[in-house]
Amino acid sequence: MKGKLHKVKFENLGTILQFKPEKVFEYTHLSSISKLPDQPENYCTLNFSLSSSDADETTLNLSIANFPTYSIYKHMDFYWRSALVVLK
């Protein structure tokens, strides 16, 4: 995925690891903004899973693993906390 955000060009790299419609979507992620080399240890892994309850509700769970730096952790935490509120 390529784009421009706040006048800064970026390219996100990654691989889909798991896709089960209406159940799980998991992928790896590395952004050019991080300036880290394209090496496996520099990729985060994001896992989105859906679960339903008897009350006819669906819950979206997000887990993120392997933060290569503290600043990436802080960015992902801020971004996804905001994004999940919007999705809700």
N, C-alpha and C. Protein backbone atom coordinates (compact mmCIF):
# COMPACT_ATOMS: atom_id res chain seq x y z
N MET A 1 0.84 -1.15 0.00
CA MET A 1 0.00 0.00 0.00
C MET A 1 0.90 1.23 0.00
N LYS A 2 0.61 2.17 -0.88
CA LYS A 2 1.38 3.41 -0.96
C LYS A 2 0.43 4.58 -0.79
N GLY A 3 0.96 5.68 -0.29
CA GLY A 3 0.13 6.86 -0.14
C GLY A 3 0.92 8.07 0.31
N LYS A 4 0.16 9.08 0.70
CA LYS A 4 0.74 10.32 1.18
C LYS A 4 -0.12 10.79 2.34
N LEU A 5 0.49 11.07 3.47
CA LEU A 5 -0.22 11.52 4.65
C LEU A 5 0.53 12.70 5.23
N HIS A 6 -0.15 13.80 5.41
CA HIS A 6 0.47 15.03 5.92
C HIS A 6 1.70 15.40 5.10
N LYS A 7 1.57 15.30 3.77
CA LYS A 7 2.62 15.65 2.80
C LYS A 7 3.83 14.71 2.84
N VAL A 8 3.70 13.60 3.52
CA VAL A 8 4.80 12.62 3.61
C VAL A 8 4.39 11.36 2.84
N LYS A 9 5.21 10.99 1.86
CA LYS A 9 4.94 9.75 1.12
C LYS A 9 5.33 8.55 1.98
N PHE A 10 4.56 7.48 1.83
CA PHE A 10 4.88 6.26 2.57
C PHE A 10 4.54 5.04 1.73
N GLU A 11 5.13 3.93 2.12
CA GLU A 11 4.79 2.64 1.53
C GLU A 11 4.75 1.62 2.65
N ASN A 12 3.62 0.94 2.78
CA ASN A 12 3.47 -0.11 3.78
C ASN A 12 3.67 -1.46 3.10
N LEU A 13 4.49 -2.29 3.70
CA LEU A 13 4.73 -3.63 3.19
C LEU A 13 4.11 -4.64 4.15
N GLY A 14 3.81 -5.82 3.65
CA GLY A 14 3.29 -6.86 4.52
C GLY A 14 2.78 -8.05 3.73
N THR A 15 2.43 -9.07 4.48
CA THR A 15 1.93 -10.31 3.90
C THR A 15 0.71 -10.75 4.68
N ILE A 16 -0.33 -11.17 3.97
CA ILE A 16 -1.50 -11.74 4.63
C ILE A 16 -1.12 -13.13 5.12
N LEU A 17 -1.29 -13.35 6.42
CA LEU A 17 -0.94 -14.63 7.02
C LEU A 17 -2.15 -15.55 7.16
N GLN A 18 -3.31 -14.92 7.38
CA GLN A 18 -4.50 -15.72 7.64
C GLN A 18 -5.73 -14.90 7.24
N PHE A 19 -6.65 -15.52 6.53
CA PHE A 19 -7.90 -14.87 6.18
C PHE A 19 -9.01 -15.89 6.18
N LYS A 20 -9.93 -15.72 7.11
CA LYS A 20 -11.12 -16.56 7.20
C LYS A 20 -12.30 -15.60 7.24
N PRO A 21 -13.05 -15.49 6.13
CA PRO A 21 -14.14 -14.51 6.07
C PRO A 21 -15.03 -14.54 7.31
N GLU A 22 -15.30 -13.35 7.81
CA GLU A 22 -16.16 -13.15 8.99
C GLU A 22 -15.61 -13.78 10.26
N LYS A 23 -14.31 -14.12 10.26
CA LYS A 23 -13.70 -14.73 11.44
C LYS A 23 -12.36 -14.07 11.79
N VAL A 24 -11.36 -14.18 10.89
CA VAL A 24 -9.99 -13.76 11.19
C VAL A 24 -9.34 -13.09 9.98
N PHE A 25 -8.60 -12.04 10.26
CA PHE A 25 -7.73 -11.41 9.27
C PHE A 25 -6.42 -11.08 9.98
N GLU A 26 -5.32 -11.65 9.51
CA GLU A 26 -4.01 -11.45 10.15
C GLU A 26 -2.98 -11.15 9.07
N TYR A 27 -2.16 -10.14 9.34
CA TYR A 27 -1.13 -9.77 8.37
C TYR A 27 0.08 -9.15 9.06
N THR A 28 1.19 -9.12 8.34
CA THR A 28 2.39 -8.45 8.84
C THR A 28 2.40 -7.04 8.26
N HIS A 29 3.13 -6.15 8.94
CA HIS A 29 3.13 -4.74 8.54
C HIS A 29 4.49 -4.10 8.84
N LEU A 30 5.00 -3.39 7.83
CA LEU A 30 6.19 -2.55 7.99
C LEU A 30 5.96 -1.29 7.17
N SER A 31 6.10 -0.14 7.81
CA SER A 31 5.91 1.14 7.12
C SER A 31 7.26 1.76 6.80
N SER A 32 7.37 2.35 5.61
CA SER A 32 8.60 3.06 5.24
C SER A 32 8.87 4.23 6.18
N ILE A 33 7.83 4.74 6.82
CA ILE A 33 7.99 5.86 7.76
C ILE A 33 8.90 5.46 8.92
N SER A 34 8.92 4.18 9.26
CA SER A 34 9.77 3.72 10.37
C SER A 34 11.26 3.81 10.04
N LYS A 35 11.58 3.84 8.74
CA LYS A 35 12.96 3.86 8.26
C LYS A 35 13.76 2.60 8.66
N LEU A 36 13.05 1.54 9.02
CA LEU A 36 13.70 0.27 9.35
C LEU A 36 13.90 -0.55 8.09
N PRO A 37 14.95 -1.35 8.03
CA PRO A 37 15.18 -2.19 6.85
C PRO A 37 14.09 -3.26 6.71
N ASP A 38 13.87 -3.66 5.47
CA ASP A 38 12.88 -4.69 5.16
C ASP A 38 13.43 -6.05 5.57
N GLN A 39 13.31 -6.33 6.86
CA GLN A 39 13.77 -7.60 7.44
C GLN A 39 12.65 -8.15 8.33
N PRO A 40 12.50 -9.46 8.40
CA PRO A 40 11.39 -10.06 9.14
C PRO A 40 11.23 -9.54 10.57
N GLU A 41 12.31 -9.30 11.25
CA GLU A 41 12.21 -8.86 12.66
C GLU A 41 11.65 -7.45 12.81
N ASN A 42 11.52 -6.71 11.71
CA ASN A 42 11.02 -5.34 11.77
C ASN A 42 9.53 -5.22 11.45
N TYR A 43 8.87 -6.35 11.24
CA TYR A 43 7.45 -6.36 10.93
C TYR A 43 6.61 -6.61 12.18
N CYS A 44 5.54 -5.84 12.34
CA CYS A 44 4.53 -6.13 13.35
C CYS A 44 3.57 -7.15 12.75
N THR A 45 2.87 -7.87 13.59
CA THR A 45 1.82 -8.77 13.15
C THR A 45 0.51 -8.31 13.77
N LEU A 46 -0.47 -8.03 12.92
CA LEU A 46 -1.79 -7.59 13.38
C LEU A 46 -2.79 -8.70 13.15
N ASN A 47 -3.60 -8.99 14.17
CA ASN A 47 -4.60 -10.03 14.10
C ASN A 47 -5.95 -9.44 14.50
N PHE A 48 -6.89 -9.46 13.56
CA PHE A 48 -8.26 -9.04 13.81
C PHE A 48 -9.12 -10.29 13.85
N SER A 49 -9.90 -10.44 14.91
CA SER A 49 -10.79 -11.59 14.98
C SER A 49 -12.18 -11.13 15.42
N LEU A 50 -13.18 -11.75 14.85
CA LEU A 50 -14.56 -11.44 15.17
C LEU A 50 -15.15 -12.60 15.96
N SER A 51 -15.93 -12.25 16.96
CA SER A 51 -16.67 -13.27 17.70
C SER A 51 -18.08 -12.74 17.96
N SER A 52 -19.04 -13.65 17.97
CA SER A 52 -20.42 -13.24 18.20
C SER A 52 -20.90 -13.80 19.53
N SER A 53 -21.95 -13.16 20.04
CA SER A 53 -22.51 -13.61 21.32
C SER A 53 -23.97 -14.00 21.11
N ASP A 54 -24.56 -14.55 22.15
CA ASP A 54 -25.98 -14.92 22.08
C ASP A 54 -26.88 -13.70 21.96
N ALA A 55 -26.36 -12.54 22.33
CA ALA A 55 -27.15 -11.30 22.29
C ALA A 55 -27.16 -10.67 20.90
N ASP A 56 -26.76 -11.44 19.89
CA ASP A 56 -26.74 -10.95 18.51
C ASP A 56 -25.79 -9.75 18.35
N GLU A 57 -24.67 -9.81 19.04
CA GLU A 57 -23.65 -8.78 18.96
C GLU A 57 -22.36 -9.40 18.44
N THR A 58 -21.55 -8.56 17.80
CA THR A 58 -20.25 -9.01 17.30
C THR A 58 -19.17 -8.19 17.97
N THR A 59 -18.11 -8.85 18.39
CA THR A 59 -16.98 -8.19 19.02
C THR A 59 -15.77 -8.31 18.10
N LEU A 60 -15.09 -7.20 17.90
CA LEU A 60 -13.84 -7.18 17.14
C LEU A 60 -12.68 -7.13 18.13
N ASN A 61 -11.81 -8.10 18.06
CA ASN A 61 -10.61 -8.13 18.89
C ASN A 61 -9.40 -7.87 18.00
N LEU A 62 -8.51 -7.02 18.47
CA LEU A 62 -7.28 -6.72 17.76
C LEU A 62 -6.11 -7.02 18.67
N SER A 63 -5.17 -7.79 18.15
CA SER A 63 -3.91 -7.98 18.88
C SER A 63 -2.77 -7.65 17.91
N ILE A 64 -1.77 -7.00 18.45
CA ILE A 64 -0.60 -6.62 17.66
C ILE A 64 0.62 -7.15 18.38
N ALA A 65 1.49 -7.82 17.64
CA ALA A 65 2.69 -8.42 18.23
C ALA A 65 3.93 -7.95 17.49
N ASN A 66 5.05 -8.07 18.18
CA ASN A 66 6.37 -7.78 17.63
C ASN A 66 6.56 -6.32 17.23
N PHE A 67 6.61 -5.46 18.22
CA PHE A 67 6.92 -4.06 17.96
C PHE A 67 8.44 -3.92 17.94
N PRO A 68 9.01 -3.58 16.78
CA PRO A 68 10.47 -3.50 16.71
C PRO A 68 11.08 -2.33 17.48
N THR A 69 10.28 -1.27 17.72
CA THR A 69 10.77 -0.13 18.51
C THR A 69 9.64 0.38 19.40
N TYR A 70 10.02 1.09 20.45
CA TYR A 70 9.03 1.68 21.34
C TYR A 70 8.19 2.73 20.62
N SER A 71 8.80 3.51 19.73
CA SER A 71 8.04 4.54 19.02
C SER A 71 6.99 3.91 18.09
N ILE A 72 7.28 2.76 17.52
CA ILE A 72 6.28 2.07 16.70
C ILE A 72 5.15 1.58 17.59
N TYR A 73 5.48 1.06 18.76
CA TYR A 73 4.44 0.66 19.71
C TYR A 73 3.53 1.84 20.03
N LYS A 74 4.10 2.98 20.35
CA LYS A 74 3.32 4.16 20.73
C LYS A 74 2.43 4.60 19.56
N HIS A 75 2.99 4.60 18.35
CA HIS A 75 2.21 5.00 17.17
C HIS A 75 1.05 4.04 16.93
N MET A 76 1.33 2.75 16.95
CA MET A 76 0.28 1.76 16.71
C MET A 76 -0.81 1.84 17.79
N ASP A 77 -0.39 2.00 19.03
CA ASP A 77 -1.34 2.10 20.14
C ASP A 77 -2.27 3.31 19.92
N PHE A 78 -1.69 4.46 19.60
CA PHE A 78 -2.49 5.67 19.37
C PHE A 78 -3.41 5.48 18.16
N TYR A 79 -2.85 5.04 17.05
CA TYR A 79 -3.62 4.91 15.82
C TYR A 79 -4.78 3.93 15.98
N TRP A 80 -4.50 2.73 16.47
CA TRP A 80 -5.55 1.73 16.52
C TRP A 80 -6.58 2.00 17.61
N ARG A 81 -6.19 2.64 18.72
CA ARG A 81 -7.20 3.03 19.72
C ARG A 81 -8.21 3.97 19.08
N SER A 82 -7.72 4.94 18.32
CA SER A 82 -8.61 5.89 17.63
C SER A 82 -9.42 5.20 16.55
N ALA A 83 -8.77 4.36 15.74
CA ALA A 83 -9.45 3.71 14.62
C ALA A 83 -10.55 2.77 15.12
N LEU A 84 -10.30 2.05 16.19
CA LEU A 84 -11.33 1.12 16.70
C LEU A 84 -12.56 1.86 17.20
N VAL A 85 -12.37 3.04 17.76
CA VAL A 85 -13.53 3.86 18.20
C VAL A 85 -14.34 4.26 16.97
N VAL A 86 -13.67 4.67 15.91
CA VAL A 86 -14.36 5.05 14.68
C VAL A 86 -15.10 3.84 14.08
N LEU A 87 -14.46 2.68 14.08
CA LEU A 87 -15.10 1.48 13.56
C LEU A 87 -16.34 1.08 14.35
N LYS A 88 -16.28 1.30 15.66
CA LYS A 88 -17.40 0.92 16.51
C LYS A 88 -18.63 1.71 16.14
